[in-house]
Amino acid sequence: MRFEMTIINLKRQIITDNDGNPVGIILPLDEYDRIKKLLNSQNREDEEEDKLQLIKNAANDPLFLADLEETMSVYQQVDTEWWEPKE
Protein backbone atom coordinates (compact mmCIF):
# COMPACT_ATOMS: atom_id res chain seq x y z
CA MET A 1 0.00 0.00 0.00
CA ARG A 2 1.44 3.34 -1.03
CA PHE A 3 0.47 6.69 0.46
CA GLU A 4 0.83 9.88 -1.44
CA MET A 5 1.35 13.16 0.27
CA THR A 6 -0.69 16.08 -0.94
CA ILE A 7 1.16 19.37 -0.93
CA ILE A 8 -0.97 22.44 -0.37
CA ASN A 9 0.45 25.86 -0.96
CA LEU A 10 -1.37 28.10 1.48
CA LYS A 11 -0.69 31.81 1.70
CA ARG A 12 -3.42 32.92 4.09
CA GLN A 13 -6.81 31.64 5.06
CA ILE A 14 -9.42 33.92 6.59
CA ILE A 15 -11.78 32.33 9.11
CA THR A 16 -15.32 33.71 9.22
CA ASP A 17 -18.27 33.28 11.54
CA ASN A 18 -21.70 32.06 10.43
CA ASP A 19 -22.59 35.54 9.18
CA GLY A 20 -19.47 35.79 7.03
CA ASN A 21 -17.65 38.26 9.33
CA PRO A 22 -13.89 37.71 9.52
CA VAL A 23 -12.88 36.48 13.01
CA GLY A 24 -9.40 35.07 12.45
CA ILE A 25 -6.69 34.19 10.00
CA ILE A 26 -4.37 31.27 9.40
CA LEU A 27 -0.89 32.40 8.38
CA PRO A 28 2.11 30.46 7.12
CA LEU A 29 4.71 30.12 9.89
CA ASP A 30 7.28 32.34 8.19
CA GLU A 31 4.73 35.15 8.00
CA TYR A 32 3.70 34.62 11.60
CA ASP A 33 7.36 34.71 12.72
CA ARG A 34 7.71 38.17 11.15
CA ILE A 35 4.85 39.62 13.20
CA LYS A 36 5.19 37.60 16.42
CA LYS A 37 7.28 40.24 18.25
CA LEU A 38 4.83 42.95 17.31
CA LEU A 39 1.90 40.89 18.59
CA ASN A 40 3.66 40.14 21.88
CA SER A 41 4.63 43.77 22.47
CA GLN A 42 1.10 44.94 21.67
CA ASN A 43 -0.35 42.47 24.17
CA ARG A 44 2.01 43.72 26.89
CA GLU A 45 1.09 47.34 26.18
CA ASP A 46 -2.62 46.50 26.36
CA GLU A 47 -2.10 44.63 29.65
CA GLU A 48 -0.21 47.58 31.12
CA GLU A 49 -2.98 49.97 30.12
CA ASP A 50 -5.57 47.61 31.61
CA LYS A 51 -3.63 47.38 34.88
CA LEU A 52 -3.26 51.15 35.10
CA GLN A 53 -6.98 51.59 34.52
CA LEU A 54 -7.77 49.08 37.27
CA ILE A 55 -5.51 50.97 39.67
CA LYS A 56 -7.23 54.24 38.79
CA ASN A 57 -10.64 52.65 39.28
CA ALA A 58 -9.62 51.26 42.68
CA ALA A 59 -9.42 54.79 44.09
CA ASN A 60 -13.21 55.05 43.62
CA ASP A 61 -14.13 51.51 44.65
CA PRO A 62 -15.76 51.56 48.10
CA LEU A 63 -14.98 47.87 48.77
CA PHE A 64 -11.32 48.36 47.90
CA LEU A 65 -11.09 51.48 50.06
CA ALA A 66 -12.78 49.72 53.00
CA ASP A 67 -10.33 46.82 52.67
CA LEU A 68 -7.43 49.25 52.51
CA GLU A 69 -8.62 51.07 55.66
CA GLU A 70 -9.05 47.75 57.50
CA THR A 71 -5.58 46.57 56.52
CA MET A 72 -4.03 49.88 57.55
CA SER A 73 -5.72 49.76 60.96
CA VAL A 74 -4.59 46.16 61.55
CA TYR A 75 -0.96 47.13 60.92
CA GLN A 76 -1.07 50.51 62.66
CA GLN A 77 0.69 49.24 65.80
CA VAL A 78 3.49 47.60 63.82
CA ASP A 79 3.86 50.70 61.64
CA THR A 80 4.37 52.91 64.69
CA GLU A 81 7.12 50.58 65.93
CA TRP A 82 9.02 50.49 62.64
CA TRP A 83 8.46 53.86 60.98
CA GLU A 84 9.63 57.19 62.24
CA PRO A 85 6.81 59.63 62.94
CA LYS A 86 6.16 62.40 60.43
CA GLU A 87 7.28 65.84 61.51
PDB file of N, CA and C in Angstrom:
ATOM      1  N   MET A   1       0.845  -1.175   0.000  1.00  0.00           N
ATOM      2  CA  MET A   1       0.000   0.000   0.000  1.00  0.00           C
ATOM      3  C   MET A   1       0.893   1.242   0.000  1.00  0.00           C
ATOM      4  N   ARG A   2       0.615   2.143  -0.885  1.00  0.00           N
ATOM      5  CA  ARG A   2       1.440   3.343  -1.034  1.00  0.00           C
ATOM      6  C   ARG A   2       0.584   4.566  -0.722  1.00  0.00           C
ATOM      7  N   PHE A   3       1.151   5.448   0.122  1.00  0.00           N
ATOM      8  CA  PHE A   3       0.469   6.690   0.463  1.00  0.00           C
ATOM      9  C   PHE A   3       1.112   7.849  -0.270  1.00  0.00           C
ATOM     10  N   GLU A   4       0.312   8.692  -0.795  1.00  0.00           N
ATOM     11  CA  GLU A   4       0.830   9.883  -1.444  1.00  0.00           C
ATOM     12  C   GLU A   4       0.544  11.088  -0.574  1.00  0.00           C
ATOM     13  N   MET A   5       1.490  11.963  -0.542  1.00  0.00           N
ATOM     14  CA  MET A   5       1.348  13.156   0.267  1.00  0.00           C
ATOM     15  C   MET A   5       0.879  14.300  -0.622  1.00  0.00           C
ATOM     16  N   THR A   6      -0.177  14.946  -0.188  1.00  0.00           N
ATOM     17  CA  THR A   6      -0.690  16.082  -0.940  1.00  0.00           C
ATOM     18  C   THR A   6      -0.023  17.336  -0.422  1.00  0.00           C
ATOM     19  N   ILE A   7       0.514  18.115  -1.309  1.00  0.00           N
ATOM     20  CA  ILE A   7       1.156  19.369  -0.928  1.00  0.00           C
ATOM     21  C   ILE A   7       0.188  20.502  -1.233  1.00  0.00           C
ATOM     22  N   ILE A   8      -0.066  21.300  -0.210  1.00  0.00           N
ATOM     23  CA  ILE A   8      -0.967  22.438  -0.367  1.00  0.00           C
ATOM     24  C   ILE A   8      -0.150  23.707  -0.163  1.00  0.00           C
ATOM     25  N   ASN A   9      -0.249  24.594  -1.081  1.00  0.00           N
ATOM     26  CA  ASN A   9       0.452  25.864  -0.964  1.00  0.00           C
ATOM     27  C   ASN A   9      -0.547  26.893  -0.431  1.00  0.00           C
ATOM     28  N   LEU A  10      -0.419  27.220   0.827  1.00  0.00           N
ATOM     29  CA  LEU A  10      -1.371  28.099   1.477  1.00  0.00           C
ATOM     30  C   LEU A  10      -0.694  29.418   1.821  1.00  0.00           C
ATOM     31  N   LYS A  11      -1.224  30.503   1.332  1.00  0.00           N
ATOM     32  CA  LYS A  11      -0.687  31.806   1.702  1.00  0.00           C
ATOM     33  C   LYS A  11      -1.365  32.285   2.971  1.00  0.00           C
ATOM     34  N   ARG A  12      -2.641  32.500   2.928  1.00  0.00           N
ATOM     35  CA  ARG A  12      -3.425  32.915   4.089  1.00  0.00           C
ATOM     36  C   ARG A  12      -4.824  32.355   3.945  1.00  0.00           C
ATOM     37  N   GLN A  13      -5.425  32.077   5.090  1.00  0.00           N
ATOM     38  CA  GLN A  13      -6.814  31.636   5.062  1.00  0.00           C
ATOM     39  C   GLN A  13      -7.576  32.431   6.109  1.00  0.00           C
ATOM     40  N   ILE A  14      -8.610  33.117   5.683  1.00  0.00           N
ATOM     41  CA  ILE A  14      -9.424  33.919   6.589  1.00  0.00           C
ATOM     42  C   ILE A  14     -10.551  33.045   7.138  1.00  0.00           C
ATOM     43  N   ILE A  15     -10.725  33.094   8.434  1.00  0.00           N
ATOM     44  CA  ILE A  15     -11.777  32.332   9.111  1.00  0.00           C
ATOM     45  C   ILE A  15     -12.936  33.284   9.377  1.00  0.00           C
ATOM     46  N   THR A  16     -14.138  32.864   9.028  1.00  0.00           N
ATOM     47  CA  THR A  16     -15.320  33.711   9.219  1.00  0.00           C
ATOM     48  C   THR A  16     -16.316  33.024  10.141  1.00  0.00           C
ATOM     49  N   ASP A  17     -17.189  33.854  10.733  1.00  0.00           N
ATOM     50  CA  ASP A  17     -18.270  33.285  11.539  1.00  0.00           C
ATOM     51  C   ASP A  17     -19.440  32.912  10.629  1.00  0.00           C
ATOM     52  N   ASN A  18     -20.536  32.495  11.218  1.00  0.00           N
ATOM     53  CA  ASN A  18     -21.698  32.058  10.429  1.00  0.00           C
ATOM     54  C   ASN A  18     -22.289  33.163   9.565  1.00  0.00           C
ATOM     55  N   ASP A  19     -22.068  34.415   9.957  1.00  0.00           N
ATOM     56  CA  ASP A  19     -22.590  35.540   9.182  1.00  0.00           C
ATOM     57  C   ASP A  19     -21.610  36.036   8.128  1.00  0.00           C
ATOM     58  N   GLY A  20     -20.452  35.392   8.025  1.00  0.00           N
ATOM     59  CA  GLY A  20     -19.466  35.791   7.025  1.00  0.00           C
ATOM     60  C   GLY A  20     -18.498  36.869   7.498  1.00  0.00           C
ATOM     61  N   ASN A  21     -18.572  37.248   8.784  1.00  0.00           N
ATOM     62  CA  ASN A  21     -17.653  38.255   9.327  1.00  0.00           C
ATOM     63  C   ASN A  21     -16.303  37.622   9.631  1.00  0.00           C
ATOM     64  N   PRO A  22     -15.208  38.275   9.231  1.00  0.00           N
ATOM     65  CA  PRO A  22     -13.894  37.705   9.524  1.00  0.00           C
ATOM     66  C   PRO A  22     -13.617  37.730  11.031  1.00  0.00           C
ATOM     67  N   VAL A  23     -13.167  36.591  11.572  1.00  0.00           N
ATOM     68  CA  VAL A  23     -12.878  36.482  13.006  1.00  0.00           C
ATOM     69  C   VAL A  23     -11.459  35.994  13.270  1.00  0.00           C
ATOM     70  N   GLY A  24     -10.757  35.556  12.255  1.00  0.00           N
ATOM     71  CA  GLY A  24      -9.400  35.073  12.445  1.00  0.00           C
ATOM     72  C   GLY A  24      -8.727  34.831  11.119  1.00  0.00           C
ATOM     73  N   ILE A  25      -7.448  34.459  11.215  1.00  0.00           N
ATOM     74  CA  ILE A  25      -6.690  34.193  10.000  1.00  0.00           C
ATOM     75  C   ILE A  25      -5.642  33.127  10.284  1.00  0.00           C
ATOM     76  N   ILE A  26      -5.437  32.262   9.328  1.00  0.00           N
ATOM     77  CA  ILE A  26      -4.366  31.274   9.401  1.00  0.00           C
ATOM     78  C   ILE A  26      -3.237  31.779   8.514  1.00  0.00           C
ATOM     79  N   LEU A  27      -2.052  31.898   9.107  1.00  0.00           N
ATOM     80  CA  LEU A  27      -0.888  32.396   8.380  1.00  0.00           C
ATOM     81  C   LEU A  27       0.161  31.303   8.250  1.00  0.00           C
ATOM     82  N   PRO A  28       0.940  31.328   7.187  1.00  0.00           N
ATOM     83  CA  PRO A  28       2.107  30.456   7.121  1.00  0.00           C
ATOM     84  C   PRO A  28       3.075  30.837   8.249  1.00  0.00           C
ATOM     85  N   LEU A  29       3.831  29.869   8.743  1.00  0.00           N
ATOM     86  CA  LEU A  29       4.709  30.120   9.887  1.00  0.00           C
ATOM     87  C   LEU A  29       5.727  31.229   9.643  1.00  0.00           C
ATOM     88  N   ASP A  30       6.285  31.305   8.442  1.00  0.00           N
ATOM     89  CA  ASP A  30       7.283  32.344   8.193  1.00  0.00           C
ATOM     90  C   ASP A  30       6.662  33.737   8.298  1.00  0.00           C
ATOM     91  N   GLU A  31       5.426  33.867   7.879  1.00  0.00           N
ATOM     92  CA  GLU A  31       4.733  35.151   7.999  1.00  0.00           C
ATOM     93  C   GLU A  31       4.423  35.464   9.462  1.00  0.00           C
ATOM     94  N   TYR A  32       3.992  34.441  10.181  1.00  0.00           N
ATOM     95  CA  TYR A  32       3.704  34.616  11.602  1.00  0.00           C
ATOM     96  C   TYR A  32       4.967  35.014  12.361  1.00  0.00           C
ATOM     97  N   ASP A  33       6.097  34.387  12.042  1.00  0.00           N
ATOM     98  CA  ASP A  33       7.356  34.710  12.716  1.00  0.00           C
ATOM     99  C   ASP A  33       7.725  36.178  12.544  1.00  0.00           C
ATOM    100  N   ARG A  34       7.383  36.761  11.401  1.00  0.00           N
ATOM    101  CA  ARG A  34       7.713  38.172  11.154  1.00  0.00           C
ATOM    102  C   ARG A  34       6.893  39.112  12.025  1.00  0.00           C
ATOM    103  N   ILE A  35       5.696  38.714  12.416  1.00  0.00           N
ATOM    104  CA  ILE A  35       4.855  39.622  13.204  1.00  0.00           C
ATOM    105  C   ILE A  35       4.726  39.221  14.672  1.00  0.00           C
ATOM    106  N   LYS A  36       5.331  38.111  15.062  1.00  0.00           N
ATOM    107  CA  LYS A  36       5.192  37.596  16.421  1.00  0.00           C
ATOM    108  C   LYS A  36       5.643  38.616  17.470  1.00  0.00           C
ATOM    109  N   LYS A  37       6.791  39.256  17.271  1.00  0.00           N
ATOM    110  CA  LYS A  37       7.282  40.236  18.248  1.00  0.00           C
ATOM    111  C   LYS A  37       6.319  41.403  18.386  1.00  0.00           C
ATOM    112  N   LEU A  38       5.792  41.853  17.282  1.00  0.00           N
ATOM    113  CA  LEU A  38       4.830  42.951  17.313  1.00  0.00           C
ATOM    114  C   LEU A  38       3.581  42.563  18.100  1.00  0.00           C
ATOM    115  N   LEU A  39       3.086  41.360  17.872  1.00  0.00           N
ATOM    116  CA  LEU A  39       1.899  40.892  18.590  1.00  0.00           C
ATOM    117  C   LEU A  39       2.171  40.800  20.090  1.00  0.00           C
ATOM    118  N   ASN A  40       3.319  40.269  20.463  1.00  0.00           N
ATOM    119  CA  ASN A  40       3.664  40.142  21.878  1.00  0.00           C
ATOM    120  C   ASN A  40       3.810  41.502  22.543  1.00  0.00           C
ATOM    121  N   SER A  41       4.460  42.449  21.867  1.00  0.00           N
ATOM    122  CA  SER A  41       4.629  43.770  22.469  1.00  0.00           C
ATOM    123  C   SER A  41       3.296  44.487  22.580  1.00  0.00           C
ATOM    124  N   GLN A  42       2.418  44.314  21.619  1.00  0.00           N
ATOM    125  CA  GLN A  42       1.096  44.939  21.665  1.00  0.00           C
ATOM    126  C   GLN A  42       0.299  44.383  22.835  1.00  0.00           C
ATOM    127  N   ASN A  43       0.376  43.078  23.058  1.00  0.00           N
ATOM    128  CA  ASN A  43      -0.348  42.470  24.175  1.00  0.00           C
ATOM    129  C   ASN A  43       0.145  43.018  25.499  1.00  0.00           C
ATOM    130  N   ARG A  44       1.454  43.187  25.643  1.00  0.00           N
ATOM    131  CA  ARG A  44       2.006  43.722  26.892  1.00  0.00           C
ATOM    132  C   ARG A  44       1.557  45.152  27.116  1.00  0.00           C
ATOM    133  N   GLU A  45       1.537  45.958  26.050  1.00  0.00           N
ATOM    134  CA  GLU A  45       1.089  47.342  26.184  1.00  0.00           C
ATOM    135  C   GLU A  45      -0.378  47.396  26.598  1.00  0.00           C
ATOM    136  N   ASP A  46      -1.203  46.550  26.003  1.00  0.00           N
ATOM    137  CA  ASP A  46      -2.616  46.497  26.363  1.00  0.00           C
ATOM    138  C   ASP A  46      -2.790  46.080  27.818  1.00  0.00           C
ATOM    139  N   GLU A  47      -2.006  45.087  28.261  1.00  0.00           N
ATOM    140  CA  GLU A  47      -2.100  44.627  29.645  1.00  0.00           C
ATOM    141  C   GLU A  47      -1.697  45.734  30.606  1.00  0.00           C
ATOM    142  N   GLU A  48      -0.641  46.474  30.262  1.00  0.00           N
ATOM    143  CA  GLU A  48      -0.205  47.577  31.120  1.00  0.00           C
ATOM    144  C   GLU A  48      -1.288  48.640  31.232  1.00  0.00           C
ATOM    145  N   GLU A  49      -1.902  48.984  30.110  1.00  0.00           N
ATOM    146  CA  GLU A  49      -2.982  49.970  30.124  1.00  0.00           C
ATOM    147  C   GLU A  49      -4.158  49.472  30.949  1.00  0.00           C
ATOM    148  N   ASP A  50      -4.478  48.187  30.826  1.00  0.00           N
ATOM    149  CA  ASP A  50      -5.568  47.607  31.611  1.00  0.00           C
ATOM    150  C   ASP A  50      -5.255  47.669  33.102  1.00  0.00           C
ATOM    151  N   LYS A  51      -4.021  47.339  33.470  1.00  0.00           N
ATOM    152  CA  LYS A  51      -3.627  47.377  34.876  1.00  0.00           C
ATOM    153  C   LYS A  51      -3.696  48.799  35.423  1.00  0.00           C
ATOM    154  N   LEU A  52      -3.204  49.763  34.658  1.00  0.00           N
ATOM    155  CA  LEU A  52      -3.261  51.154  35.102  1.00  0.00           C
ATOM    156  C   LEU A  52      -4.696  51.619  35.283  1.00  0.00           C
ATOM    157  N   GLN A  53      -5.575  51.208  34.392  1.00  0.00           N
ATOM    158  CA  GLN A  53      -6.983  51.588  34.516  1.00  0.00           C
ATOM    159  C   GLN A  53      -7.611  50.966  35.756  1.00  0.00           C
ATOM    160  N   LEU A  54      -7.267  49.719  36.057  1.00  0.00           N
ATOM    161  CA  LEU A  54      -7.773  49.075  37.270  1.00  0.00           C
ATOM    162  C   LEU A  54      -7.295  49.795  38.526  1.00  0.00           C
ATOM    163  N   ILE A  55      -6.042  50.228  38.524  1.00  0.00           N
ATOM    164  CA  ILE A  55      -5.507  50.972  39.671  1.00  0.00           C
ATOM    165  C   ILE A  55      -6.251  52.291  39.836  1.00  0.00           C
ATOM    166  N   LYS A  56      -6.481  52.981  38.726  1.00  0.00           N
ATOM    167  CA  LYS A  56      -7.227  54.244  38.789  1.00  0.00           C
ATOM    168  C   LYS A  56      -8.647  54.022  39.296  1.00  0.00           C
ATOM    169  N   ASN A  57      -9.276  52.952  38.841  1.00  0.00           N
ATOM    170  CA  ASN A  57     -10.640  52.649  39.276  1.00  0.00           C
ATOM    171  C   ASN A  57     -10.700  52.280  40.756  1.00  0.00           C
ATOM    172  N   ALA A  58      -9.636  51.683  41.286  1.00  0.00           N
ATOM    173  CA  ALA A  58      -9.623  51.258  42.685  1.00  0.00           C
ATOM    174  C   ALA A  58      -9.796  52.438  43.631  1.00  0.00           C
ATOM    175  N   ALA A  59      -9.309  53.603  43.241  1.00  0.00           N
ATOM    176  CA  ALA A  59      -9.423  54.794  44.093  1.00  0.00           C
ATOM    177  C   ALA A  59     -10.879  55.198  44.314  1.00  0.00           C
ATOM    178  N   ASN A  60     -11.785  54.728  43.483  1.00  0.00           N
ATOM    179  CA  ASN A  60     -13.206  55.053  43.621  1.00  0.00           C
ATOM    180  C   ASN A  60     -14.054  53.838  44.008  1.00  0.00           C
ATOM    181  N   ASP A  61     -13.408  52.735  44.314  1.00  0.00           N
ATOM    182  CA  ASP A  61     -14.126  51.507  44.654  1.00  0.00           C
ATOM    183  C   ASP A  61     -14.309  51.428  46.165  1.00  0.00           C
ATOM    184  N   PRO A  62     -15.545  51.543  46.659  1.00  0.00           N
ATOM    185  CA  PRO A  62     -15.762  51.555  48.104  1.00  0.00           C
ATOM    186  C   PRO A  62     -15.301  50.272  48.804  1.00  0.00           C
ATOM    187  N   LEU A  63     -15.430  49.124  48.149  1.00  0.00           N
ATOM    188  CA  LEU A  63     -14.975  47.873  48.766  1.00  0.00           C
ATOM    189  C   LEU A  63     -13.457  47.840  48.887  1.00  0.00           C
ATOM    190  N   PHE A  64     -12.782  48.308  47.852  1.00  0.00           N
ATOM    191  CA  PHE A  64     -11.320  48.364  47.901  1.00  0.00           C
ATOM    192  C   PHE A  64     -10.861  49.317  48.999  1.00  0.00           C
ATOM    193  N   LEU A  65     -11.478  50.484  49.061  1.00  0.00           N
ATOM    194  CA  LEU A  65     -11.090  51.478  50.061  1.00  0.00           C
ATOM    195  C   LEU A  65     -11.364  50.976  51.477  1.00  0.00           C
ATOM    196  N   ALA A  66     -12.479  50.278  51.681  1.00  0.00           N
ATOM    197  CA  ALA A  66     -12.779  49.716  52.998  1.00  0.00           C
ATOM    198  C   ALA A  66     -11.741  48.663  53.374  1.00  0.00           C
ATOM    199  N   ASP A  67     -11.346  47.828  52.427  1.00  0.00           N
ATOM    200  CA  ASP A  67     -10.334  46.816  52.671  1.00  0.00           C
ATOM    201  C   ASP A  67      -8.996  47.472  52.995  1.00  0.00           C
ATOM    202  N   LEU A  68      -8.671  48.523  52.274  1.00  0.00           N
ATOM    203  CA  LEU A  68      -7.428  49.251  52.514  1.00  0.00           C
ATOM    204  C   LEU A  68      -7.405  49.857  53.920  1.00  0.00           C
ATOM    205  N   GLU A  69      -8.511  50.486  54.319  1.00  0.00           N
ATOM    206  CA  GLU A  69      -8.620  51.068  55.662  1.00  0.00           C
ATOM    207  C   GLU A  69      -8.474  49.991  56.736  1.00  0.00           C
ATOM    208  N   GLU A  70      -9.131  48.844  56.525  1.00  0.00           N
ATOM    209  CA  GLU A  70      -9.053  47.754  57.502  1.00  0.00           C
ATOM    210  C   GLU A  70      -7.619  47.244  57.629  1.00  0.00           C
ATOM    211  N   THR A  71      -6.964  47.053  56.503  1.00  0.00           N
ATOM    212  CA  THR A  71      -5.581  46.569  56.517  1.00  0.00           C
ATOM    213  C   THR A  71      -4.667  47.572  57.207  1.00  0.00           C
ATOM    214  N   MET A  72      -4.861  48.852  56.920  1.00  0.00           N
ATOM    215  CA  MET A  72      -4.032  49.881  57.549  1.00  0.00           C
ATOM    216  C   MET A  72      -4.235  49.897  59.063  1.00  0.00           C
ATOM    217  N   SER A  73      -5.469  49.732  59.524  1.00  0.00           N
ATOM    218  CA  SER A  73      -5.724  49.761  60.964  1.00  0.00           C
ATOM    219  C   SER A  73      -5.131  48.533  61.652  1.00  0.00           C
ATOM    220  N   VAL A  74      -5.160  47.372  60.969  1.00  0.00           N
ATOM    221  CA  VAL A  74      -4.587  46.158  61.549  1.00  0.00           C
ATOM    222  C   VAL A  74      -3.082  46.322  61.763  1.00  0.00           C
ATOM    223  N   TYR A  75      -2.416  46.989  60.846  1.00  0.00           N
ATOM    224  CA  TYR A  75      -0.960  47.128  60.918  1.00  0.00           C
ATOM    225  C   TYR A  75      -0.511  48.438  61.564  1.00  0.00           C
ATOM    226  N   GLN A  76      -1.415  49.206  62.092  1.00  0.00           N
ATOM    227  CA  GLN A  76      -1.070  50.514  62.660  1.00  0.00           C
ATOM    228  C   GLN A  76      -0.046  50.383  63.788  1.00  0.00           C
ATOM    229  N   GLN A  77      -0.236  49.427  64.675  1.00  0.00           N
ATOM    230  CA  GLN A  77       0.690  49.240  65.796  1.00  0.00           C
ATOM    231  C   GLN A  77       2.093  48.905  65.296  1.00  0.00           C
ATOM    232  N   VAL A  78       2.185  47.984  64.367  1.00  0.00           N
ATOM    233  CA  VAL A  78       3.490  47.602  63.818  1.00  0.00           C
ATOM    234  C   VAL A  78       4.125  48.777  63.098  1.00  0.00           C
ATOM    235  N   ASP A  79       3.332  49.540  62.361  1.00  0.00           N
ATOM    236  CA  ASP A  79       3.863  50.697  61.642  1.00  0.00           C
ATOM    237  C   ASP A  79       4.474  51.710  62.604  1.00  0.00           C
ATOM    238  N   THR A  80       3.825  51.930  63.741  1.00  0.00           N
ATOM    239  CA  THR A  80       4.373  52.911  64.692  1.00  0.00           C
ATOM    240  C   THR A  80       5.674  52.423  65.305  1.00  0.00           C
ATOM    241  N   GLU A  81       5.869  51.120  65.387  1.00  0.00           N
ATOM    242  CA  GLU A  81       7.120  50.578  65.928  1.00  0.00           C
ATOM    243  C   GLU A  81       8.273  50.671  64.930  1.00  0.00           C
ATOM    244  N   TRP A  82       7.957  50.585  63.638  1.00  0.00           N
ATOM    245  CA  TRP A  82       9.016  50.486  62.637  1.00  0.00           C
ATOM    246  C   TRP A  82       9.247  51.761  61.834  1.00  0.00           C
ATOM    247  N   TRP A  83       8.317  52.661  61.800  1.00  0.00           N
ATOM    248  CA  TRP A  83       8.461  53.861  60.982  1.00  0.00           C
ATOM    249  C   TRP A  83       8.597  55.080  61.876  1.00  0.00           C
ATOM    250  N   GLU A  84       9.459  55.963  61.479  1.00  0.00           N
ATOM    251  CA  GLU A  84       9.629  57.191  62.238  1.00  0.00           C
ATOM    252  C   GLU A  84       8.394  58.073  62.050  1.00  0.00           C
ATOM    253  N   PRO A  85       7.987  58.767  63.086  1.00  0.00           N
ATOM    254  CA  PRO A  85       6.811  59.634  62.937  1.00  0.00           C
ATOM    255  C   PRO A  85       7.081  60.796  61.991  1.00  0.00           C
ATOM    256  N   LYS A  86       6.036  61.244  61.325  1.00  0.00           N
ATOM    257  CA  LYS A  86       6.157  62.399  60.429  1.00  0.00           C
ATOM    258  C   LYS A  86       6.310  63.653  61.267  1.00  0.00           C
ATOM    259  N   GLU A  87       7.089  64.572  60.784  1.00  0.00           N
ATOM    260  CA  GLU A  87       7.276  65.844  61.514  1.00  0.00           C
ATOM    261  C   GLU A  87       6.311  66.884  61.091  1.00  0.00           C
TER     262      GLU A  87
END
